[in-house]
Amino acid sequence: MKNCIKLMIFIMMSFGTTQLIAQNTNIMTAQLDQGTSAAPNDTATPTNDDVISTNIRSKISQDPLLTGANILVTTQGGVVTLSGTVSNQTQIDEAVKIAKTENGVTSVKSSINVPYGTPP
């Protein structure tokens, strides 16, 4: 568990969140060294929102209509937000359709856009 958390911290630090992570790293490492939990209910399982986002990302990446699409998927409280850029409206519609059909999704917000000047 301790090595897993340190690996997660290393990965997070690699993505530019060093200031906040560095402060929390010392707290988490100290708690782990003392044998206490890093969080009150730390079960090391993904949240339902994480599972929803992962499933949607997987389906989007496998959909032939969405080849070349750059879509970011986030989920909070069952509300999925799609953002990024695609080549046409058909790709937006397909991504929204995929998100709406995922179990646990309560609503879908799309801020996906087609760059100006992209042929239809």
N, C-alpha and C. Protein backbone atom coordinates (compact mmCIF):
# COMPACT_ATOMS: atom_id res chain seq x y z
N MET A 1 0.83 -1.20 0.00
CA MET A 1 0.00 0.00 0.00
C MET A 1 0.88 1.26 0.00
N LYS A 2 1.89 1.25 0.86
CA LYS A 2 2.76 2.41 0.96
C LYS A 2 3.46 2.71 -0.37
N ASN A 3 3.99 1.67 -1.02
CA ASN A 3 4.66 1.86 -2.31
C ASN A 3 3.69 2.32 -3.38
N CYS A 4 2.46 1.83 -3.32
CA CYS A 4 1.44 2.22 -4.30
C CYS A 4 1.15 3.72 -4.18
N ILE A 5 1.01 4.20 -2.95
CA ILE A 5 0.73 5.62 -2.75
C ILE A 5 1.92 6.46 -3.20
N LYS A 6 3.11 6.02 -2.89
CA LYS A 6 4.29 6.76 -3.34
C LYS A 6 4.37 6.81 -4.86
N LEU A 7 4.00 5.72 -5.54
CA LEU A 7 3.98 5.71 -7.00
C LEU A 7 2.94 6.68 -7.52
N MET A 8 1.76 6.71 -6.90
CA MET A 8 0.71 7.65 -7.31
C MET A 8 1.20 9.08 -7.14
N ILE A 9 1.87 9.35 -6.05
CA ILE A 9 2.38 10.69 -5.79
C ILE A 9 3.41 11.06 -6.85
N PHE A 10 4.29 10.12 -7.19
CA PHE A 10 5.30 10.38 -8.22
C PHE A 10 4.63 10.71 -9.55
N ILE A 11 3.62 9.93 -9.92
CA ILE A 11 2.92 10.18 -11.18
C ILE A 11 2.26 11.54 -11.16
N MET A 12 1.59 11.87 -10.05
CA MET A 12 0.91 13.16 -9.95
C MET A 12 1.92 14.30 -10.02
N MET A 13 3.08 14.11 -9.40
CA MET A 13 4.10 15.16 -9.43
C MET A 13 4.62 15.35 -10.84
N SER A 14 4.63 14.29 -11.63
CA SER A 14 5.10 14.36 -13.00
C SER A 14 4.19 15.22 -13.87
N PHE A 15 2.95 15.41 -13.44
CA PHE A 15 2.00 16.19 -14.22
C PHE A 15 1.87 17.62 -13.73
N GLY A 16 2.82 18.11 -12.93
CA GLY A 16 2.89 19.51 -12.61
C GLY A 16 2.13 19.97 -11.38
N THR A 17 1.75 19.07 -10.49
CA THR A 17 1.04 19.47 -9.28
C THR A 17 1.96 19.33 -8.07
N THR A 18 3.21 19.71 -8.25
CA THR A 18 4.23 19.43 -7.24
C THR A 18 4.02 20.16 -5.91
N GLN A 19 3.61 21.41 -5.93
CA GLN A 19 3.51 22.18 -4.70
C GLN A 19 2.55 21.54 -3.70
N LEU A 20 1.33 21.31 -4.11
CA LEU A 20 0.32 20.73 -3.24
C LEU A 20 0.65 19.28 -2.92
N ILE A 21 1.10 18.55 -3.88
CA ILE A 21 1.42 17.14 -3.68
C ILE A 21 2.55 16.99 -2.68
N ALA A 22 3.56 17.83 -2.79
CA ALA A 22 4.71 17.73 -1.89
C ALA A 22 4.27 17.89 -0.44
N GLN A 23 3.37 18.82 -0.18
CA GLN A 23 2.88 19.02 1.18
C GLN A 23 2.12 17.80 1.66
N ASN A 24 1.24 17.25 0.82
CA ASN A 24 0.45 16.09 1.20
C ASN A 24 1.27 14.82 1.27
N THR A 25 2.36 14.76 0.50
CA THR A 25 3.21 13.57 0.51
C THR A 25 3.80 13.35 1.89
N ASN A 26 4.28 14.42 2.49
CA ASN A 26 4.89 14.29 3.82
C ASN A 26 3.86 13.81 4.84
N ILE A 27 2.66 14.32 4.77
CA ILE A 27 1.60 13.91 5.69
C ILE A 27 1.25 12.46 5.48
N MET A 28 1.02 12.07 4.21
CA MET A 28 0.63 10.70 3.91
C MET A 28 1.73 9.71 4.27
N THR A 29 2.98 10.06 3.96
CA THR A 29 4.08 9.16 4.26
C THR A 29 4.25 9.00 5.76
N ALA A 30 4.12 10.10 6.50
CA ALA A 30 4.23 10.03 7.95
C ALA A 30 3.12 9.16 8.52
N GLN A 31 1.91 9.30 8.03
CA GLN A 31 0.80 8.49 8.52
C GLN A 31 1.01 7.02 8.21
N LEU A 32 1.53 6.72 7.02
CA LEU A 32 1.77 5.33 6.65
C LEU A 32 2.90 4.73 7.48
N ASP A 33 3.94 5.53 7.73
CA ASP A 33 5.04 5.05 8.55
C ASP A 33 4.57 4.71 9.97
N GLN A 34 3.57 5.46 10.45
CA GLN A 34 3.04 5.23 11.79
C GLN A 34 1.95 4.16 11.79
N GLY A 35 1.61 3.66 10.61
CA GLY A 35 0.61 2.62 10.52
C GLY A 35 -0.82 3.13 10.55
N THR A 36 -1.01 4.43 10.33
CA THR A 36 -2.37 4.97 10.32
C THR A 36 -2.82 5.16 8.89
N SER A 37 -4.09 5.32 8.71
CA SER A 37 -4.65 5.48 7.37
C SER A 37 -4.41 6.89 6.87
N ALA A 38 -4.19 7.03 5.57
CA ALA A 38 -3.99 8.33 4.95
C ALA A 38 -5.29 9.11 4.85
N ALA A 39 -6.42 8.41 4.89
CA ALA A 39 -7.73 9.05 4.82
C ALA A 39 -8.67 8.27 5.73
N PRO A 40 -9.69 8.93 6.28
CA PRO A 40 -10.58 8.26 7.22
C PRO A 40 -11.21 6.98 6.66
N ASN A 41 -11.60 6.98 5.41
CA ASN A 41 -12.23 5.80 4.81
C ASN A 41 -11.46 5.35 3.58
N ASP A 42 -10.15 5.26 3.70
CA ASP A 42 -9.29 4.91 2.58
C ASP A 42 -9.43 3.43 2.26
N THR A 43 -10.25 3.11 1.25
CA THR A 43 -10.46 1.72 0.88
C THR A 43 -9.71 1.34 -0.38
N ALA A 44 -9.05 2.30 -1.00
CA ALA A 44 -8.26 2.08 -2.22
C ALA A 44 -9.10 1.55 -3.37
N THR A 45 -10.38 1.88 -3.39
CA THR A 45 -11.23 1.48 -4.50
C THR A 45 -11.66 2.74 -5.25
N PRO A 46 -11.82 2.63 -6.56
CA PRO A 46 -12.25 3.81 -7.32
C PRO A 46 -13.69 4.17 -7.01
N THR A 47 -14.01 5.44 -7.14
CA THR A 47 -15.38 5.87 -6.94
C THR A 47 -16.21 5.49 -8.15
N ASN A 48 -17.51 5.51 -7.98
CA ASN A 48 -18.41 5.22 -9.09
C ASN A 48 -18.16 6.20 -10.24
N ASP A 49 -17.90 7.46 -9.91
CA ASP A 49 -17.61 8.47 -10.94
C ASP A 49 -16.37 8.09 -11.75
N ASP A 50 -15.34 7.57 -11.06
CA ASP A 50 -14.13 7.14 -11.76
C ASP A 50 -14.42 6.00 -12.72
N VAL A 51 -15.24 5.07 -12.28
CA VAL A 51 -15.60 3.92 -13.11
C VAL A 51 -16.39 4.38 -14.33
N ILE A 52 -17.34 5.28 -14.11
CA ILE A 52 -18.14 5.82 -15.22
C ILE A 52 -17.22 6.48 -16.25
N SER A 53 -16.33 7.36 -15.81
CA SER A 53 -15.43 8.07 -16.73
C SER A 53 -14.54 7.09 -17.49
N THR A 54 -14.00 6.11 -16.79
CA THR A 54 -13.13 5.12 -17.43
C THR A 54 -13.88 4.33 -18.49
N ASN A 55 -15.09 3.91 -18.17
CA ASN A 55 -15.89 3.14 -19.13
C ASN A 55 -16.22 3.96 -20.37
N ILE A 56 -16.58 5.21 -20.17
CA ILE A 56 -16.91 6.07 -21.31
C ILE A 56 -15.67 6.33 -22.16
N ARG A 57 -14.54 6.62 -21.53
CA ARG A 57 -13.29 6.83 -22.28
C ARG A 57 -12.95 5.61 -23.12
N SER A 58 -13.12 4.44 -22.54
CA SER A 58 -12.83 3.19 -23.25
C SER A 58 -13.73 3.04 -24.48
N LYS A 59 -15.02 3.28 -24.30
CA LYS A 59 -15.96 3.15 -25.42
C LYS A 59 -15.69 4.19 -26.51
N ILE A 60 -15.35 5.40 -26.10
CA ILE A 60 -15.03 6.45 -27.08
C ILE A 60 -13.79 6.06 -27.88
N SER A 61 -12.77 5.54 -27.20
CA SER A 61 -11.52 5.20 -27.89
C SER A 61 -11.69 4.03 -28.85
N GLN A 62 -12.71 3.20 -28.63
CA GLN A 62 -12.94 2.04 -29.49
C GLN A 62 -13.95 2.30 -30.60
N ASP A 63 -14.61 3.45 -30.56
CA ASP A 63 -15.65 3.74 -31.54
C ASP A 63 -15.02 4.25 -32.84
N PRO A 64 -15.27 3.56 -33.97
CA PRO A 64 -14.66 3.98 -35.23
C PRO A 64 -15.12 5.37 -35.70
N LEU A 65 -16.31 5.80 -35.28
CA LEU A 65 -16.77 7.14 -35.65
C LEU A 65 -15.99 8.24 -34.95
N LEU A 66 -15.30 7.88 -33.86
CA LEU A 66 -14.60 8.89 -33.07
C LEU A 66 -13.09 8.85 -33.25
N THR A 67 -12.64 8.22 -34.32
CA THR A 67 -11.21 8.19 -34.62
C THR A 67 -10.70 9.62 -34.81
N GLY A 68 -9.64 9.95 -34.11
CA GLY A 68 -9.06 11.28 -34.21
C GLY A 68 -9.70 12.31 -33.30
N ALA A 69 -10.75 11.93 -32.59
CA ALA A 69 -11.41 12.87 -31.68
C ALA A 69 -10.55 13.08 -30.44
N ASN A 70 -10.57 14.28 -29.92
CA ASN A 70 -9.84 14.63 -28.70
C ASN A 70 -10.88 14.99 -27.65
N ILE A 71 -11.34 14.00 -26.89
CA ILE A 71 -12.44 14.21 -25.95
C ILE A 71 -11.99 13.88 -24.53
N LEU A 72 -12.18 14.83 -23.64
CA LEU A 72 -11.91 14.66 -22.22
C LEU A 72 -13.22 14.32 -21.52
N VAL A 73 -13.19 13.31 -20.65
CA VAL A 73 -14.39 12.88 -19.93
C VAL A 73 -14.16 13.05 -18.44
N THR A 74 -15.05 13.79 -17.78
CA THR A 74 -15.02 13.90 -16.33
C THR A 74 -16.42 13.60 -15.81
N THR A 75 -16.49 13.06 -14.60
CA THR A 75 -17.78 12.74 -14.00
C THR A 75 -17.77 13.18 -12.55
N GLN A 76 -18.84 13.82 -12.15
CA GLN A 76 -18.99 14.24 -10.76
C GLN A 76 -20.45 14.04 -10.36
N GLY A 77 -20.67 13.15 -9.41
CA GLY A 77 -22.01 12.88 -8.94
C GLY A 77 -22.91 12.31 -10.03
N GLY A 78 -22.34 11.55 -10.94
CA GLY A 78 -23.10 10.96 -12.03
C GLY A 78 -23.30 11.88 -13.22
N VAL A 79 -22.88 13.14 -13.10
CA VAL A 79 -23.01 14.11 -14.19
C VAL A 79 -21.71 14.06 -15.01
N VAL A 80 -21.83 13.66 -16.26
CA VAL A 80 -20.68 13.53 -17.15
C VAL A 80 -20.50 14.83 -17.93
N THR A 81 -19.26 15.31 -17.98
CA THR A 81 -18.93 16.47 -18.79
C THR A 81 -17.94 16.03 -19.86
N LEU A 82 -18.29 16.30 -21.10
CA LEU A 82 -17.43 16.00 -22.24
C LEU A 82 -16.88 17.32 -22.78
N SER A 83 -15.59 17.36 -23.02
CA SER A 83 -14.99 18.57 -23.59
C SER A 83 -13.90 18.16 -24.56
N GLY A 84 -13.49 19.10 -25.39
CA GLY A 84 -12.44 18.84 -26.35
C GLY A 84 -12.84 19.25 -27.74
N THR A 85 -12.16 18.69 -28.73
CA THR A 85 -12.43 19.05 -30.12
C THR A 85 -12.61 17.80 -30.97
N VAL A 86 -13.48 17.91 -31.94
CA VAL A 86 -13.74 16.83 -32.89
C VAL A 86 -13.85 17.43 -34.28
N SER A 87 -14.00 16.58 -35.28
CA SER A 87 -14.04 17.04 -36.67
C SER A 87 -15.41 17.49 -37.15
N ASN A 88 -16.49 16.97 -36.51
CA ASN A 88 -17.82 17.30 -37.01
C ASN A 88 -18.89 17.04 -35.94
N GLN A 89 -20.10 17.48 -36.23
CA GLN A 89 -21.22 17.33 -35.30
C GLN A 89 -21.57 15.86 -35.06
N THR A 90 -21.38 15.02 -36.05
CA THR A 90 -21.67 13.60 -35.89
C THR A 90 -20.84 12.99 -34.77
N GLN A 91 -19.58 13.42 -34.67
CA GLN A 91 -18.73 12.92 -33.60
C GLN A 91 -19.21 13.41 -32.23
N ILE A 92 -19.68 14.65 -32.15
CA ILE A 92 -20.22 15.16 -30.90
C ILE A 92 -21.43 14.32 -30.50
N ASP A 93 -22.33 14.10 -31.45
CA ASP A 93 -23.54 13.32 -31.17
C ASP A 93 -23.21 11.91 -30.70
N GLU A 94 -22.22 11.29 -31.32
CA GLU A 94 -21.82 9.93 -30.97
C GLU A 94 -21.23 9.88 -29.55
N ALA A 95 -20.38 10.83 -29.21
CA ALA A 95 -19.79 10.86 -27.87
C ALA A 95 -20.86 11.06 -26.80
N VAL A 96 -21.81 11.95 -27.06
CA VAL A 96 -22.91 12.20 -26.11
C VAL A 96 -23.75 10.94 -25.96
N LYS A 97 -24.02 10.27 -27.08
CA LYS A 97 -24.82 9.03 -27.04
C LYS A 97 -24.13 7.97 -26.18
N ILE A 98 -22.83 7.81 -26.36
CA ILE A 98 -22.07 6.84 -25.58
C ILE A 98 -22.17 7.17 -24.09
N ALA A 99 -21.98 8.44 -23.75
CA ALA A 99 -22.03 8.86 -22.34
C ALA A 99 -23.41 8.62 -21.74
N LYS A 100 -24.46 8.94 -22.48
CA LYS A 100 -25.83 8.80 -21.95
C LYS A 100 -26.21 7.35 -21.68
N THR A 101 -25.60 6.42 -22.40
CA THR A 101 -25.98 5.02 -22.24
C THR A 101 -25.18 4.31 -21.14
N GLU A 102 -24.21 4.98 -20.53
CA GLU A 102 -23.40 4.35 -19.48
C GLU A 102 -24.20 4.28 -18.17
N ASN A 103 -24.15 3.12 -17.52
CA ASN A 103 -24.83 2.95 -16.22
C ASN A 103 -24.31 3.95 -15.20
N GLY A 104 -25.21 4.53 -14.43
CA GLY A 104 -24.84 5.46 -13.38
C GLY A 104 -24.84 6.92 -13.80
N VAL A 105 -24.98 7.19 -15.09
CA VAL A 105 -24.97 8.56 -15.59
C VAL A 105 -26.35 9.17 -15.38
N THR A 106 -26.37 10.34 -14.73
CA THR A 106 -27.64 11.04 -14.50
C THR A 106 -27.89 12.11 -15.55
N SER A 107 -26.82 12.71 -16.07
CA SER A 107 -26.95 13.67 -17.16
C SER A 107 -25.60 13.85 -17.84
N VAL A 108 -25.65 14.43 -19.04
CA VAL A 108 -24.43 14.66 -19.83
C VAL A 108 -24.39 16.11 -20.27
N LYS A 109 -23.25 16.75 -20.01
CA LYS A 109 -23.01 18.12 -20.47
C LYS A 109 -21.90 18.05 -21.52
N SER A 110 -22.11 18.70 -22.65
CA SER A 110 -21.10 18.67 -23.69
C SER A 110 -20.60 20.08 -24.00
N SER A 111 -19.29 20.22 -23.91
CA SER A 111 -18.66 21.45 -24.38
C SER A 111 -17.63 21.10 -25.45
N ILE A 112 -17.91 20.00 -26.15
CA ILE A 112 -17.07 19.59 -27.28
C ILE A 112 -17.32 20.58 -28.41
N ASN A 113 -16.26 20.95 -29.11
CA ASN A 113 -16.47 21.87 -30.23
C ASN A 113 -15.75 21.39 -31.47
N VAL A 114 -16.21 21.94 -32.58
CA VAL A 114 -15.60 21.72 -33.88
C VAL A 114 -14.86 23.01 -34.21
N PRO A 115 -13.55 22.96 -34.39
CA PRO A 115 -12.80 24.18 -34.68
C PRO A 115 -13.31 24.89 -35.91
N TYR A 116 -13.33 26.20 -35.85
CA TYR A 116 -13.78 27.02 -36.97
C TYR A 116 -12.94 26.71 -38.20
N GLY A 117 -13.58 26.56 -39.32
CA GLY A 117 -12.88 26.30 -40.57
C GLY A 117 -12.72 24.83 -40.88
N THR A 118 -13.20 23.94 -39.94
CA THR A 118 -13.13 22.51 -40.21
C THR A 118 -14.23 22.15 -41.18
N PRO A 119 -13.91 21.45 -42.26
CA PRO A 119 -14.96 21.05 -43.21
C PRO A 119 -16.00 20.16 -42.55
N PRO A 120 -17.26 20.27 -42.96
CA PRO A 120 -18.31 19.45 -42.32
C PRO A 120 -18.17 17.97 -42.58
